[in-house]
All heavy atoms as atom14 arrays in JSON, in Angstrom:
{
  "sequence": "GGVVGGANTFNNKVVFPPGAVDKDTYVTVTVNY",
  "atom14_mask": [
    [1, 1, 1, 1, 0, 0, 0, 0, 0, 0, 0, 0, 0, 0],
    [1, 1, 1, 1, 0, 0, 0, 0, 0, 0, 0, 0, 0, 0],
    [1, 1, 1, 1, 1, 1, 1, 0, 0, 0, 0, 0, 0, 0],
    [1, 1, 1, 1, 1, 1, 1, 0, 0, 0, 0, 0, 0, 0],
    [1, 1, 1, 1, 0, 0, 0, 0, 0, 0, 0, 0, 0, 0],
    [1, 1, 1, 1, 0, 0, 0, 0, 0, 0, 0, 0, 0, 0],
    [1, 1, 1, 1, 1, 0, 0, 0, 0, 0, 0, 0, 0, 0],
    [1, 1, 1, 1, 1, 1, 1, 1, 0, 0, 0, 0, 0, 0],
    [1, 1, 1, 1, 1, 1, 1, 0, 0, 0, 0, 0, 0, 0],
    [1, 1, 1, 1, 1, 1, 1, 1, 1, 1, 1, 0, 0, 0],
    [1, 1, 1, 1, 1, 1, 1, 1, 0, 0, 0, 0, 0, 0],
    [1, 1, 1, 1, 1, 1, 1, 1, 0, 0, 0, 0, 0, 0],
    [1, 1, 1, 1, 1, 1, 1, 1, 1, 0, 0, 0, 0, 0],
    [1, 1, 1, 1, 1, 1, 1, 0, 0, 0, 0, 0, 0, 0],
    [1, 1, 1, 1, 1, 1, 1, 0, 0, 0, 0, 0, 0, 0],
    [1, 1, 1, 1, 1, 1, 1, 1, 1, 1, 1, 0, 0, 0],
    [1, 1, 1, 1, 1, 1, 1, 0, 0, 0, 0, 0, 0, 0],
    [1, 1, 1, 1, 1, 1, 1, 0, 0, 0, 0, 0, 0, 0],
    [1, 1, 1, 1, 0, 0, 0, 0, 0, 0, 0, 0, 0, 0],
    [1, 1, 1, 1, 1, 0, 0, 0, 0, 0, 0, 0, 0, 0],
    [1, 1, 1, 1, 1, 1, 1, 0, 0, 0, 0, 0, 0, 0],
    [1, 1, 1, 1, 1, 1, 1, 1, 0, 0, 0, 0, 0, 0],
    [1, 1, 1, 1, 1, 1, 1, 1, 1, 0, 0, 0, 0, 0],
    [1, 1, 1, 1, 1, 1, 1, 1, 0, 0, 0, 0, 0, 0],
    [1, 1, 1, 1, 1, 1, 1, 0, 0, 0, 0, 0, 0, 0],
    [1, 1, 1, 1, 1, 1, 1, 1, 1, 1, 1, 1, 0, 0],
    [1, 1, 1, 1, 1, 1, 1, 0, 0, 0, 0, 0, 0, 0],
    [1, 1, 1, 1, 1, 1, 1, 0, 0, 0, 0, 0, 0, 0],
    [1, 1, 1, 1, 1, 1, 1, 0, 0, 0, 0, 0, 0, 0],
    [1, 1, 1, 1, 1, 1, 1, 0, 0, 0, 0, 0, 0, 0],
    [1, 1, 1, 1, 1, 1, 1, 0, 0, 0, 0, 0, 0, 0],
    [1, 1, 1, 1, 1, 1, 1, 1, 0, 0, 0, 0, 0, 0],
    [1, 1, 1, 1, 1, 1, 1, 1, 1, 1, 1, 1, 0, 0]
  ],
  "atom14_positions": [
    [[164.42, 121.38, -11.44], [163.52, 120.39, -10.77], [162.07, 120.76, -11.13], [161.76, 121.22, -12.19], [0.0, 0.0, 0.0], [0.0, 0.0, 0.0], [0.0, 0.0, 0.0], [0.0, 0.0, 0.0], [0.0, 0.0, 0.0], [0.0, 0.0, 0.0], [0.0, 0.0, 0.0], [0.0, 0.0, 0.0], [0.0, 0.0, 0.0], [0.0, 0.0, 0.0]],
    [[161.08, 120.36, -10.34], [159.72, 120.67, -10.49], [158.84, 119.69, -9.95], [159.19, 118.64, -9.15], [0.0, 0.0, 0.0], [0.0, 0.0, 0.0], [0.0, 0.0, 0.0], [0.0, 0.0, 0.0], [0.0, 0.0, 0.0], [0.0, 0.0, 0.0], [0.0, 0.0, 0.0], [0.0, 0.0, 0.0], [0.0, 0.0, 0.0], [0.0, 0.0, 0.0]],
    [[157.48, 119.76, -10.26], [156.47, 119.1, -9.66], [155.63, 118.36, -10.75], [155.27, 119.03, -11.65], [155.53, 119.79, -8.72], [154.35, 118.95, -8.14], [156.28, 120.52, -7.6], [0.0, 0.0, 0.0], [0.0, 0.0, 0.0], [0.0, 0.0, 0.0], [0.0, 0.0, 0.0], [0.0, 0.0, 0.0], [0.0, 0.0, 0.0], [0.0, 0.0, 0.0]],
    [[155.37, 117.09, -10.6], [154.42, 116.35, -11.56], [153.29, 115.56, -10.56], [153.49, 115.08, -9.61], [155.17, 115.23, -12.25], [154.21, 114.56, -13.28], [156.34, 115.85, -12.99], [0.0, 0.0, 0.0], [0.0, 0.0, 0.0], [0.0, 0.0, 0.0], [0.0, 0.0, 0.0], [0.0, 0.0, 0.0], [0.0, 0.0, 0.0], [0.0, 0.0, 0.0]],
    [[152.06, 115.9, -11.21], [150.81, 115.47, -10.5], [150.21, 116.49, -9.6], [150.51, 117.74, -9.82], [0.0, 0.0, 0.0], [0.0, 0.0, 0.0], [0.0, 0.0, 0.0], [0.0, 0.0, 0.0], [0.0, 0.0, 0.0], [0.0, 0.0, 0.0], [0.0, 0.0, 0.0], [0.0, 0.0, 0.0], [0.0, 0.0, 0.0], [0.0, 0.0, 0.0]],
    [[149.36, 116.11, -8.83], [148.65, 117.06, -7.95], [147.09, 116.86, -8.01], [146.64, 115.72, -8.03], [0.0, 0.0, 0.0], [0.0, 0.0, 0.0], [0.0, 0.0, 0.0], [0.0, 0.0, 0.0], [0.0, 0.0, 0.0], [0.0, 0.0, 0.0], [0.0, 0.0, 0.0], [0.0, 0.0, 0.0], [0.0, 0.0, 0.0], [0.0, 0.0, 0.0]],
    [[146.39, 117.87, -8.1], [144.93, 117.73, -8.22], [144.41, 116.84, -9.23], [143.4, 116.13, -9.1], [144.35, 119.16, -8.32], [0.0, 0.0, 0.0], [0.0, 0.0, 0.0], [0.0, 0.0, 0.0], [0.0, 0.0, 0.0], [0.0, 0.0, 0.0], [0.0, 0.0, 0.0], [0.0, 0.0, 0.0], [0.0, 0.0, 0.0], [0.0, 0.0, 0.0]],
    [[145.05, 116.95, -10.42], [144.52, 116.16, -11.57], [144.92, 114.62, -11.47], [144.47, 113.83, -12.21], [145.01, 116.68, -13.03], [146.54, 116.85, -12.96], [147.25, 116.83, -11.95], [147.12, 116.95, -14.08], [0.0, 0.0, 0.0], [0.0, 0.0, 0.0], [0.0, 0.0, 0.0], [0.0, 0.0, 0.0], [0.0, 0.0, 0.0], [0.0, 0.0, 0.0]],
    [[145.74, 114.27, -10.47], [146.03, 112.84, -10.23], [145.62, 112.47, -8.82], [146.34, 111.8, -8.08], [147.54, 112.56, -10.46], [148.28, 113.39, -9.63], [147.87, 112.69, -11.81], [0.0, 0.0, 0.0], [0.0, 0.0, 0.0], [0.0, 0.0, 0.0], [0.0, 0.0, 0.0], [0.0, 0.0, 0.0], [0.0, 0.0, 0.0], [0.0, 0.0, 0.0]],
    [[144.42, 113.0, -8.39], [144.01, 112.78, -7.01], [144.88, 113.09, -5.96], [144.96, 112.29, -4.96], [143.47, 111.23, -6.95], [142.51, 110.76, -7.99], [142.89, 110.14, -8.94], [141.17, 111.17, -7.87], [142.0, 109.62, -10.01], [140.19, 110.84, -8.89], [140.61, 110.14, -9.95], [0.0, 0.0, 0.0], [0.0, 0.0, 0.0], [0.0, 0.0, 0.0]],
    [[145.71, 114.13, -6.13], [146.65, 114.6, -5.08], [147.91, 113.61, -4.98], [148.58, 113.74, -3.98], [146.03, 114.87, -3.78], [145.06, 116.09, -3.92], [145.33, 117.01, -4.6], [143.95, 115.96, -3.13], [0.0, 0.0, 0.0], [0.0, 0.0, 0.0], [0.0, 0.0, 0.0], [0.0, 0.0, 0.0], [0.0, 0.0, 0.0], [0.0, 0.0, 0.0]],
    [[148.11, 112.73, -5.84], [149.35, 111.96, -5.86], [150.36, 112.74, -6.77], [149.98, 113.24, -7.87], [149.06, 110.63, -6.59], [148.09, 109.79, -5.74], [148.5, 109.15, -4.68], [146.83, 109.7, -5.94], [0.0, 0.0, 0.0], [0.0, 0.0, 0.0], [0.0, 0.0, 0.0], [0.0, 0.0, 0.0], [0.0, 0.0, 0.0], [0.0, 0.0, 0.0]],
    [[151.5, 112.87, -6.24], [152.56, 113.73, -7.04], [153.97, 113.37, -6.55], [154.24, 112.67, -5.65], [152.25, 115.24, -6.71], [152.53, 115.69, -5.35], [152.1, 117.1, -5.08], [152.35, 117.51, -3.74], [152.17, 119.01, -3.6], [0.0, 0.0, 0.0], [0.0, 0.0, 0.0], [0.0, 0.0, 0.0], [0.0, 0.0, 0.0], [0.0, 0.0, 0.0]],
    [[154.84, 113.99, -7.38], [156.3, 113.93, -7.01], [157.03, 115.25, -7.1], [156.6, 115.94, -8.17], [157.02, 112.74, -7.85], [156.97, 112.98, -9.32], [158.44, 112.57, -7.47], [0.0, 0.0, 0.0], [0.0, 0.0, 0.0], [0.0, 0.0, 0.0], [0.0, 0.0, 0.0], [0.0, 0.0, 0.0], [0.0, 0.0, 0.0], [0.0, 0.0, 0.0]],
    [[157.87, 115.49, -6.23], [158.59, 116.85, -6.33], [160.08, 116.54, -6.51], [160.71, 115.88, -5.7], [158.25, 117.61, -4.97], [159.1, 118.95, -5.08], [156.86, 117.88, -4.66], [0.0, 0.0, 0.0], [0.0, 0.0, 0.0], [0.0, 0.0, 0.0], [0.0, 0.0, 0.0], [0.0, 0.0, 0.0], [0.0, 0.0, 0.0], [0.0, 0.0, 0.0]],
    [[160.69, 117.06, -7.52], [162.13, 116.98, -7.86], [162.79, 118.25, -7.47], [162.42, 119.28, -7.95], [162.29, 116.81, -9.4], [161.96, 115.43, -9.9], [160.64, 115.07, -10.17], [162.85, 114.54, -10.14], [160.23, 113.91, -10.71], [162.6, 113.37, -10.61], [161.32, 112.94, -10.91], [0.0, 0.0, 0.0], [0.0, 0.0, 0.0], [0.0, 0.0, 0.0]],
    [[163.84, 118.1, -6.53], [164.59, 119.27, -6.26], [165.6, 119.55, -7.48], [165.79, 118.62, -8.24], [165.38, 118.82, -5.06], [165.48, 117.3, -5.16], [164.23, 116.93, -5.83], [0.0, 0.0, 0.0], [0.0, 0.0, 0.0], [0.0, 0.0, 0.0], [0.0, 0.0, 0.0], [0.0, 0.0, 0.0], [0.0, 0.0, 0.0], [0.0, 0.0, 0.0]],
    [[166.15, 120.67, -7.5], [167.24, 120.97, -8.65], [168.28, 119.95, -8.48], [168.72, 119.62, -7.39], [167.69, 122.39, -8.27], [166.5, 123.02, -7.61], [165.87, 121.86, -6.73], [0.0, 0.0, 0.0], [0.0, 0.0, 0.0], [0.0, 0.0, 0.0], [0.0, 0.0, 0.0], [0.0, 0.0, 0.0], [0.0, 0.0, 0.0], [0.0, 0.0, 0.0]],
    [[168.79, 119.45, -9.61], [169.86, 118.53, -9.62], [169.49, 117.07, -9.28], [170.39, 116.21, -9.34], [0.0, 0.0, 0.0], [0.0, 0.0, 0.0], [0.0, 0.0, 0.0], [0.0, 0.0, 0.0], [0.0, 0.0, 0.0], [0.0, 0.0, 0.0], [0.0, 0.0, 0.0], [0.0, 0.0, 0.0], [0.0, 0.0, 0.0], [0.0, 0.0, 0.0]],
    [[168.32, 116.72, -9.26], [167.89, 115.42, -9.02], [168.08, 114.55, -10.23], [168.4, 113.26, -10.18], [166.4, 115.26, -8.43], [0.0, 0.0, 0.0], [0.0, 0.0, 0.0], [0.0, 0.0, 0.0], [0.0, 0.0, 0.0], [0.0, 0.0, 0.0], [0.0, 0.0, 0.0], [0.0, 0.0, 0.0], [0.0, 0.0, 0.0], [0.0, 0.0, 0.0]],
    [[167.94, 115.12, -11.49], [168.22, 114.41, -12.69], [169.34, 115.13, -13.38], [169.49, 116.21, -13.27], [167.01, 114.41, -13.59], [165.8, 113.53, -12.95], [166.37, 115.83, -13.84], [0.0, 0.0, 0.0], [0.0, 0.0, 0.0], [0.0, 0.0, 0.0], [0.0, 0.0, 0.0], [0.0, 0.0, 0.0], [0.0, 0.0, 0.0], [0.0, 0.0, 0.0]],
    [[169.95, 114.23, -14.18], [171.34, 114.71, -14.94], [170.85, 115.54, -16.08], [171.54, 116.55, -16.6], [172.05, 113.58, -15.5], [172.85, 112.92, -14.36], [173.15, 113.51, -13.36], [172.95, 111.64, -14.45], [0.0, 0.0, 0.0], [0.0, 0.0, 0.0], [0.0, 0.0, 0.0], [0.0, 0.0, 0.0], [0.0, 0.0, 0.0], [0.0, 0.0, 0.0]],
    [[169.72, 115.2, -16.77], [169.28, 116.05, -17.92], [167.8, 116.12, -17.8], [167.03, 115.41, -17.11], [169.7, 115.26, -19.28], [169.02, 113.84, -19.28], [169.56, 113.1, -20.58], [168.81, 111.71, -20.54], [169.2, 110.82, -21.71], [0.0, 0.0, 0.0], [0.0, 0.0, 0.0], [0.0, 0.0, 0.0], [0.0, 0.0, 0.0], [0.0, 0.0, 0.0]],
    [[167.29, 117.13, -18.65], [165.87, 117.38, -18.62], [165.13, 116.03, -19.03], [165.49, 115.34, -19.91], [165.48, 118.48, -19.59], [166.12, 119.81, -19.17], [166.7, 119.93, -18.3], [165.98, 120.73, -20.11], [0.0, 0.0, 0.0], [0.0, 0.0, 0.0], [0.0, 0.0, 0.0], [0.0, 0.0, 0.0], [0.0, 0.0, 0.0], [0.0, 0.0, 0.0]],
    [[164.12, 115.68, -18.21], [163.44, 114.37, -18.31], [161.95, 114.61, -18.27], [161.33, 115.31, -17.32], [163.92, 113.51, -17.16], [165.39, 113.45, -17.1], [163.32, 112.11, -17.19], [0.0, 0.0, 0.0], [0.0, 0.0, 0.0], [0.0, 0.0, 0.0], [0.0, 0.0, 0.0], [0.0, 0.0, 0.0], [0.0, 0.0, 0.0], [0.0, 0.0, 0.0]],
    [[161.22, 113.91, -19.14], [159.76, 114.01, -19.09], [159.27, 112.89, -18.15], [159.61, 111.71, -18.26], [159.21, 113.74, -20.42], [157.69, 113.93, -20.57], [157.23, 115.29, -20.68], [156.76, 112.9, -20.48], [155.84, 115.53, -20.6], [155.29, 113.18, -20.51], [154.91, 114.47, -20.63], [153.61, 114.76, -20.56], [0.0, 0.0, 0.0], [0.0, 0.0, 0.0]],
    [[158.52, 113.26, -17.12], [158.04, 112.44, -16.11], [156.63, 112.39, -16.02], [155.91, 113.32, -16.31], [158.65, 112.96, -14.64], [158.0, 112.16, -13.48], [160.14, 113.05, -14.65], [0.0, 0.0, 0.0], [0.0, 0.0, 0.0], [0.0, 0.0, 0.0], [0.0, 0.0, 0.0], [0.0, 0.0, 0.0], [0.0, 0.0, 0.0], [0.0, 0.0, 0.0]],
    [[156.05, 111.04, -15.87], [154.63, 110.91, -15.66], [154.25, 110.27, -14.35], [155.03, 109.57, -13.75], [154.08, 109.99, -16.8], [154.75, 108.7, -16.74], [154.34, 110.58, -18.16], [0.0, 0.0, 0.0], [0.0, 0.0, 0.0], [0.0, 0.0, 0.0], [0.0, 0.0, 0.0], [0.0, 0.0, 0.0], [0.0, 0.0, 0.0], [0.0, 0.0, 0.0]],
    [[153.11, 110.66, -13.94], [152.46, 110.04, -12.69], [151.11, 109.53, -13.21], [150.29, 110.19, -13.71], [152.22, 111.11, -11.58], [151.51, 110.49, -10.44], [153.55, 111.68, -11.1], [0.0, 0.0, 0.0], [0.0, 0.0, 0.0], [0.0, 0.0, 0.0], [0.0, 0.0, 0.0], [0.0, 0.0, 0.0], [0.0, 0.0, 0.0], [0.0, 0.0, 0.0]],
    [[150.96, 108.16, -13.03], [149.74, 107.56, -13.41], [149.03, 106.86, -12.3], [149.61, 106.1, -11.57], [150.0, 106.5, -14.52], [150.62, 107.04, -15.68], [148.68, 105.75, -14.97], [0.0, 0.0, 0.0], [0.0, 0.0, 0.0], [0.0, 0.0, 0.0], [0.0, 0.0, 0.0], [0.0, 0.0, 0.0], [0.0, 0.0, 0.0], [0.0, 0.0, 0.0]],
    [[147.77, 107.17, -12.1], [146.96, 106.56, -10.98], [146.13, 105.49, -11.71], [145.4, 105.73, -12.53], [146.15, 107.58, -10.29], [145.22, 106.97, -9.21], [147.0, 108.84, -9.7], [0.0, 0.0, 0.0], [0.0, 0.0, 0.0], [0.0, 0.0, 0.0], [0.0, 0.0, 0.0], [0.0, 0.0, 0.0], [0.0, 0.0, 0.0], [0.0, 0.0, 0.0]],
    [[146.14, 104.36, -11.1], [145.46, 103.16, -11.65], [144.54, 102.71, -10.43], [145.06, 102.51, -9.33], [146.34, 102.02, -11.94], [147.2, 102.28, -13.19], [146.58, 102.18, -14.28], [148.41, 102.64, -13.05], [0.0, 0.0, 0.0], [0.0, 0.0, 0.0], [0.0, 0.0, 0.0], [0.0, 0.0, 0.0], [0.0, 0.0, 0.0], [0.0, 0.0, 0.0]],
    [[143.25, 102.77, -10.61], [142.23, 102.5, -9.61], [141.18, 101.69, -10.04], [140.51, 102.04, -11.15], [141.74, 103.89, -9.06], [140.78, 103.76, -7.94], [140.96, 103.05, -6.83], [139.58, 104.36, -8.07], [140.15, 102.82, -5.81], [138.61, 104.27, -7.07], [138.84, 103.56, -5.96], [137.86, 103.42, -5.0], [0.0, 0.0, 0.0], [0.0, 0.0, 0.0]]
  ]
}
């Protein structure tokens, strides 16, 4: 699993637990303001 986002996205983020995805996946978090 892992975490995407955080301080560099104004504290917006997503946390994946192990097993949430079937295969390794590149994930993005985009803040539009």
